[in-house]
Amino acid sequence: MFASANKSSDLGELTGEELHSKLVVTTIGYDAFNNRCRGVSASVKEAKVNRLFIRKYSVTFNNYIKVYMSRDPRVAKAEIKQEMVNVIAEKVAAKKPVKRV
């Protein structure tokens, strides 16, 4: 989910539910990256998007996931975070030099 949302696509072409879903996936991915690579455990981006959704649409971040993306927000978040961890692991593995004996 995260890797496909991260592909280069013109954000100007995205509207409505597609744009909001990309925002949610990207937000969870950034927070997972910050947690894994920088040791920041707070979901800063998620809190900002949650405030935006509440202010603009009167719906919470988790309720948006529940209605438009998945039945269980915890499962959706876990899947997105796992995909982000996999992307990070692939990139780290690609950069490690191969030891020759």
Protein backbone atom coordinates (compact mmCIF):
# COMPACT_ATOMS: atom_id res chain seq x y z
CA MET A 1 0.00 0.00 0.00
CA PHE A 2 2.73 2.49 0.98
CA ALA A 3 5.05 1.57 -1.86
CA SER A 4 2.28 1.99 -4.43
CA ALA A 5 1.23 5.29 -2.89
CA ASN A 6 4.83 6.46 -2.99
CA LYS A 7 5.19 5.99 -6.76
CA SER A 8 5.62 9.21 -8.67
CA SER A 9 2.19 10.48 -9.55
CA ASP A 10 1.07 14.01 -10.11
CA LEU A 11 -0.71 15.18 -6.98
CA GLY A 12 -2.61 17.68 -9.13
CA GLU A 13 -4.46 14.74 -10.70
CA LEU A 14 -5.62 13.39 -7.33
CA THR A 15 -8.93 14.58 -5.94
CA GLY A 16 -11.38 13.65 -3.22
CA GLU A 17 -11.09 10.23 -1.66
CA GLU A 18 -7.98 9.30 -3.68
CA LEU A 19 -6.12 12.40 -2.44
CA HIS A 20 -7.19 11.89 1.17
CA SER A 21 -6.25 8.20 1.10
CA LYS A 22 -2.80 9.06 -0.26
CA LEU A 23 -2.43 11.63 2.53
CA VAL A 24 -3.32 9.00 5.15
CA VAL A 25 -0.92 6.40 3.73
CA THR A 26 1.90 8.93 3.38
CA THR A 27 1.33 10.21 6.91
CA ILE A 28 1.50 6.74 8.44
CA GLY A 29 4.60 6.01 6.35
CA TYR A 30 6.41 9.15 7.52
CA ASP A 31 5.60 8.43 11.14
CA ALA A 32 6.80 4.83 10.74
CA PHE A 33 10.02 6.09 9.13
CA ASN A 34 10.60 8.62 11.91
CA ASN A 35 10.00 5.93 14.52
CA ARG A 36 12.26 3.36 12.87
CA CYS A 37 15.12 5.58 11.67
CA ARG A 38 15.08 8.58 13.97
CA GLY A 39 13.71 7.13 17.17
CA VAL A 40 10.78 9.56 17.26
CA SER A 41 7.91 7.61 18.78
CA ALA A 42 5.29 10.37 18.55
CA SER A 43 2.94 10.27 15.57
CA VAL A 44 3.43 13.94 14.77
CA LYS A 45 2.20 13.85 11.18
CA GLU A 46 -0.82 11.75 12.10
CA ALA A 47 -1.80 14.27 14.77
CA LYS A 48 -1.59 17.12 12.25
CA VAL A 49 -3.69 15.26 9.67
CA ASN A 50 -6.17 14.30 12.39
CA ARG A 51 -6.61 17.97 13.30
CA LEU A 52 -7.04 18.84 9.62
CA PHE A 53 -9.70 16.15 9.10
CA ILE A 54 -11.58 17.17 12.25
CA ARG A 55 -11.46 20.87 11.41
CA LYS A 56 -12.40 20.49 7.76
CA TYR A 57 -14.62 17.38 7.61
CA SER A 58 -15.59 16.62 11.25
CA VAL A 59 -14.15 13.12 10.96
CA THR A 60 -11.14 11.68 12.77
CA PHE A 61 -8.11 10.09 11.13
CA ASN A 62 -9.11 6.63 12.37
CA ASN A 63 -12.74 7.06 11.30
CA TYR A 64 -11.58 8.04 7.80
CA ILE A 65 -9.52 4.84 7.59
CA LYS A 66 -12.46 2.81 8.91
CA VAL A 67 -14.95 4.25 6.40
CA TYR A 68 -12.86 4.64 3.26
CA MET A 69 -9.88 2.30 3.50
CA SER A 70 -10.32 -0.63 5.88
CA ARG A 71 -12.71 -1.99 8.47
CA ASP A 72 -10.07 -1.88 11.21
CA PRO A 73 -7.72 1.13 11.39
CA ARG A 74 -5.19 -0.81 13.50
CA VAL A 75 -4.80 -3.45 10.80
CA ALA A 76 -4.46 -0.84 8.06
CA LYS A 77 -1.85 1.10 10.04
CA ALA A 78 0.10 -2.06 10.81
CA GLU A 79 0.15 -3.07 7.13
CA ILE A 80 1.33 0.37 6.01
CA LYS A 81 4.00 0.49 8.73
CA GLN A 82 5.23 -3.00 7.78
CA GLU A 83 5.49 -1.98 4.13
CA MET A 84 7.52 1.07 5.15
CA VAL A 85 9.85 -1.08 7.26
CA ASN A 86 10.26 -3.43 4.27
CA VAL A 87 11.12 -0.50 1.97
CA ILE A 88 13.70 0.75 4.48
CA ALA A 89 15.20 -2.73 4.84
CA GLU A 90 15.50 -3.10 1.06
CA LYS A 91 17.23 0.26 0.72
CA VAL A 92 19.64 -0.47 3.58
CA ALA A 93 20.45 -3.91 2.17
CA ALA A 94 21.13 -2.40 -1.25
CA LYS A 95 23.65 0.07 0.22
CA LYS A 96 25.64 -2.41 2.32
CA PRO A 97 28.94 -3.43 0.74
CA VAL A 98 29.43 -7.10 0.04
CA LYS A 99 32.30 -8.62 2.05
CA ARG A 100 34.51 -10.90 0.04
CA VAL A 101 36.59 -13.52 1.73
